[in-house]
């Protein structure tokens, strides 16, 4: 499942413990990350 691969990459490589402090900090970090997937952040779907 592609979304599971993307989420795994986020939570294990791109998110830090501080990003989970509140729902808003998590949303803010995800809002930052998602537009950059494929350019600054890469995922290999194999």
PDB file of N, CA and C in Angstrom:
ATOM      1  N   UNK A   1       0.849  -1.172   0.000  1.00  0.00           N
ATOM      2  CA  UNK A   1       0.000   0.000   0.000  1.00  0.00           C
ATOM      3  C   UNK A   1       0.901   1.243   0.000  1.00  0.00           C
ATOM      4  N   UNK A   2       0.696   2.114  -0.953  1.00  0.00           N
ATOM      5  CA  UNK A   2       1.576   3.270  -1.119  1.00  0.00           C
ATOM      6  C   UNK A   2       1.520   4.243   0.049  1.00  0.00           C
ATOM      7  N   UNK A   3       0.341   4.481   0.592  1.00  0.00           N
ATOM      8  CA  UNK A   3       0.233   5.425   1.708  1.00  0.00           C
ATOM      9  C   UNK A   3       0.945   4.886   2.948  1.00  0.00           C
ATOM     10  N   UNK A   4       0.926   3.574   3.138  1.00  0.00           N
ATOM     11  CA  UNK A   4       1.638   2.982   4.268  1.00  0.00           C
ATOM     12  C   UNK A   4       3.148   3.157   4.116  1.00  0.00           C
ATOM     13  N   UNK A   5       3.645   3.020   2.907  1.00  0.00           N
ATOM     14  CA  UNK A   5       5.073   3.225   2.657  1.00  0.00           C
ATOM     15  C   UNK A   5       5.445   4.679   2.928  1.00  0.00           C
ATOM     16  N   UNK A   6       4.613   5.606   2.461  1.00  0.00           N
ATOM     17  CA  UNK A   6       4.872   7.027   2.696  1.00  0.00           C
ATOM     18  C   UNK A   6       4.838   7.350   4.185  1.00  0.00           C
ATOM     19  N   UNK A   7       3.829   6.842   4.900  1.00  0.00           N
ATOM     20  CA  UNK A   7       3.731   7.121   6.336  1.00  0.00           C
ATOM     21  C   UNK A   7       4.919   6.521   7.092  1.00  0.00           C
ATOM     22  N   UNK A   8       5.341   5.328   6.723  1.00  0.00           N
ATOM     23  CA  UNK A   8       6.506   4.699   7.353  1.00  0.00           C
ATOM     24  C   UNK A   8       7.739   5.584   7.186  1.00  0.00           C
ATOM     25  N   UNK A   9       7.934   6.105   5.992  1.00  0.00           N
ATOM     26  CA  UNK A   9       9.078   6.978   5.739  1.00  0.00           C
ATOM     27  C   UNK A   9       8.985   8.244   6.595  1.00  0.00           C
ATOM     28  N   UNK A  10       7.789   8.807   6.671  1.00  0.00           N
ATOM     29  CA  UNK A  10       7.593  10.013   7.495  1.00  0.00           C
ATOM     30  C   UNK A  10       7.942   9.746   8.947  1.00  0.00           C
ATOM     31  N   UNK A  11       7.310   8.757   9.528  1.00  0.00           N
ATOM     32  CA  UNK A  11       7.462   8.585  10.974  1.00  0.00           C
ATOM     33  C   UNK A  11       8.822   8.043  11.381  1.00  0.00           C
ATOM     34  N   UNK A  12       9.511   7.332  10.507  1.00  0.00           N
ATOM     35  CA  UNK A  12      10.804   6.763  10.887  1.00  0.00           C
ATOM     36  C   UNK A  12      12.004   7.593  10.449  1.00  0.00           C
ATOM     37  N   UNK A  13      11.806   8.498   9.510  1.00  0.00           N
ATOM     38  CA  UNK A  13      12.952   9.238   8.985  1.00  0.00           C
ATOM     39  C   UNK A  13      12.795  10.752   9.040  1.00  0.00           C
ATOM     40  N   UNK A  14      11.596  11.260   8.863  1.00  0.00           N
ATOM     41  CA  UNK A  14      11.442  12.702   8.699  1.00  0.00           C
ATOM     42  C   UNK A  14      10.834  13.394   9.901  1.00  0.00           C
ATOM     43  N   UNK A  15      10.061  12.696  10.700  1.00  0.00           N
ATOM     44  CA  UNK A  15       9.439  13.305  11.875  1.00  0.00           C
ATOM     45  C   UNK A  15      10.323  13.093  13.099  1.00  0.00           C
ATOM     46  N   UNK A  16      10.348  14.087  13.966  1.00  0.00           N
ATOM     47  CA  UNK A  16      11.105  13.991  15.210  1.00  0.00           C
ATOM     48  C   UNK A  16      10.119  13.894  16.377  1.00  0.00           C
ATOM     49  N   UNK A  17      10.579  13.486  17.545  1.00  0.00           N
ATOM     50  CA  UNK A  17       9.676  13.438  18.705  1.00  0.00           C
ATOM     51  C   UNK A  17       8.996  14.779  18.987  1.00  0.00           C
ATOM     52  N   UNK A  18       9.693  15.882  18.761  1.00  0.00           N
ATOM     53  CA  UNK A  18       9.079  17.199  18.974  1.00  0.00           C
ATOM     54  C   UNK A  18       7.887  17.440  18.052  1.00  0.00           C
ATOM     55  N   UNK A  19       7.887  16.830  16.890  1.00  0.00           N
ATOM     56  CA  UNK A  19       6.774  17.013  15.951  1.00  0.00           C
ATOM     57  C   UNK A  19       5.474  16.417  16.483  1.00  0.00           C
ATOM     58  N   UNK A  20       5.564  15.518  17.447  1.00  0.00           N
ATOM     59  CA  UNK A  20       4.384  14.860  18.019  1.00  0.00           C
ATOM     60  C   UNK A  20       3.881  15.539  19.294  1.00  0.00           C
ATOM     61  N   UNK A  21       4.468  16.667  19.673  1.00  0.00           N
ATOM     62  CA  UNK A  21       4.066  17.334  20.921  1.00  0.00           C
ATOM     63  C   UNK A  21       2.571  17.614  20.968  1.00  0.00           C
ATOM     64  N   UNK A  22       2.042  18.167  19.908  1.00  0.00           N
ATOM     65  CA  UNK A  22       0.603  18.453  19.843  1.00  0.00           C
ATOM     66  C   UNK A  22       0.103  18.063  18.462  1.00  0.00           C
ATOM     67  N   UNK A  23      -1.198  17.993  18.339  1.00  0.00           N
ATOM     68  CA  UNK A  23      -1.780  17.717  17.027  1.00  0.00           C
ATOM     69  C   UNK A  23      -1.374  18.802  16.031  1.00  0.00           C
ATOM     70  N   UNK A  24      -1.321  20.037  16.503  1.00  0.00           N
ATOM     71  CA  UNK A  24      -0.979  21.147  15.601  1.00  0.00           C
ATOM     72  C   UNK A  24       0.468  21.079  15.127  1.00  0.00           C
ATOM     73  N   UNK A  25       1.401  20.717  16.009  1.00  0.00           N
ATOM     74  CA  UNK A  25       2.798  20.622  15.569  1.00  0.00           C
ATOM     75  C   UNK A  25       2.965  19.498  14.554  1.00  0.00           C
ATOM     76  N   UNK A  26       2.220  18.415  14.743  1.00  0.00           N
ATOM     77  CA  UNK A  26       2.271  17.324  13.772  1.00  0.00           C
ATOM     78  C   UNK A  26       1.689  17.770  12.436  1.00  0.00           C
ATOM     79  N   UNK A  27       0.561  18.436  12.480  1.00  0.00           N
ATOM     80  CA  UNK A  27      -0.043  18.948  11.237  1.00  0.00           C
ATOM     81  C   UNK A  27       0.892  19.920  10.525  1.00  0.00           C
ATOM     82  N   UNK A  28       1.503  20.804  11.289  1.00  0.00           N
ATOM     83  CA  UNK A  28       2.413  21.780  10.691  1.00  0.00           C
ATOM     84  C   UNK A  28       3.578  21.091   9.986  1.00  0.00           C
ATOM     85  N   UNK A  29       4.156  20.095  10.623  1.00  0.00           N
ATOM     86  CA  UNK A  29       5.287  19.388  10.014  1.00  0.00           C
ATOM     87  C   UNK A  29       4.844  18.622   8.774  1.00  0.00           C
ATOM     88  N   UNK A  30       3.684  17.979   8.839  1.00  0.00           N
ATOM     89  CA  UNK A  30       3.184  17.258   7.669  1.00  0.00           C
ATOM     90  C   UNK A  30       2.848  18.219   6.534  1.00  0.00           C
ATOM     91  N   UNK A  31       2.294  19.382   6.877  1.00  0.00           N
ATOM     92  CA  UNK A  31       2.024  20.401   5.854  1.00  0.00           C
ATOM     93  C   UNK A  31       3.317  20.884   5.205  1.00  0.00           C
ATOM     94  N   UNK A  32       4.394  20.880   5.955  1.00  0.00           N
ATOM     95  CA  UNK A  32       5.700  21.242   5.414  1.00  0.00           C
ATOM     96  C   UNK A  32       6.255  20.113   4.527  1.00  0.00           C
ATOM     97  N   UNK A  33       6.134  18.876   4.997  1.00  0.00           N
ATOM     98  CA  UNK A  33       6.738  17.738   4.301  1.00  0.00           C
ATOM     99  C   UNK A  33       6.047  17.368   2.990  1.00  0.00           C
ATOM    100  N   UNK A  34       4.737  17.267   3.019  1.00  0.00           N
ATOM    101  CA  UNK A  34       4.013  16.684   1.886  1.00  0.00           C
ATOM    102  C   UNK A  34       4.267  17.383   0.548  1.00  0.00           C
ATOM    103  N   UNK A  35       4.294  18.707   0.494  1.00  0.00           N
ATOM    104  CA  UNK A  35       4.582  19.334  -0.810  1.00  0.00           C
ATOM    105  C   UNK A  35       6.014  19.092  -1.292  1.00  0.00           C
ATOM    106  N   UNK A  36       6.875  18.669  -0.398  1.00  0.00           N
ATOM    107  CA  UNK A  36       8.286  18.474  -0.736  1.00  0.00           C
ATOM    108  C   UNK A  36       8.635  17.018  -1.053  1.00  0.00           C
ATOM    109  N   UNK A  37       7.671  16.117  -0.887  1.00  0.00           N
ATOM    110  CA  UNK A  37       7.911  14.712  -1.231  1.00  0.00           C
ATOM    111  C   UNK A  37       8.111  14.634  -2.739  1.00  0.00           C
ATOM    112  N   UNK A  38       9.196  14.012  -3.126  1.00  0.00           N
ATOM    113  CA  UNK A  38       9.528  13.896  -4.538  1.00  0.00           C
ATOM    114  C   UNK A  38      10.617  14.867  -4.966  1.00  0.00           C
ATOM    115  N   UNK A  39      10.850  15.900  -4.145  1.00  0.00           N
ATOM    116  CA  UNK A  39      11.932  16.840  -4.455  1.00  0.00           C
ATOM    117  C   UNK A  39      12.963  16.807  -3.333  1.00  0.00           C
ATOM    118  N   UNK A  40      12.630  17.397  -2.185  1.00  0.00           N
ATOM    119  CA  UNK A  40      13.557  17.411  -1.050  1.00  0.00           C
ATOM    120  C   UNK A  40      13.519  16.102  -0.264  1.00  0.00           C
ATOM    121  N   UNK A  41      12.393  15.433  -0.286  1.00  0.00           N
ATOM    122  CA  UNK A  41      12.205  14.161   0.421  1.00  0.00           C
ATOM    123  C   UNK A  41      11.796  13.119  -0.611  1.00  0.00           C
ATOM    124  N   UNK A  42      12.512  12.007  -0.638  1.00  0.00           N
ATOM    125  CA  UNK A  42      12.221  11.005  -1.659  1.00  0.00           C
ATOM    126  C   UNK A  42      11.758   9.698  -1.037  1.00  0.00           C
ATOM    127  N   UNK A  43      10.913   9.017  -1.792  1.00  0.00           N
ATOM    128  CA  UNK A  43      10.395   7.708  -1.402  1.00  0.00           C
ATOM    129  C   UNK A  43      10.510   6.816  -2.622  1.00  0.00           C
ATOM    130  N   UNK A  44      11.002   5.609  -2.421  1.00  0.00           N
ATOM    131  CA  UNK A  44      11.054   4.636  -3.502  1.00  0.00           C
ATOM    132  C   UNK A  44       9.945   3.625  -3.286  1.00  0.00           C
ATOM    133  N   UNK A  45       8.990   3.609  -4.202  1.00  0.00           N
ATOM    134  CA  UNK A  45       7.896   2.642  -4.142  1.00  0.00           C
ATOM    135  C   UNK A  45       8.280   1.481  -5.045  1.00  0.00           C
ATOM    136  N   UNK A  46       8.605   0.348  -4.422  1.00  0.00           N
ATOM    137  CA  UNK A  46       9.006  -0.795  -5.248  1.00  0.00           C
ATOM    138  C   UNK A  46       8.093  -1.973  -5.038  1.00  0.00           C
TER     139      UNK A  46
END
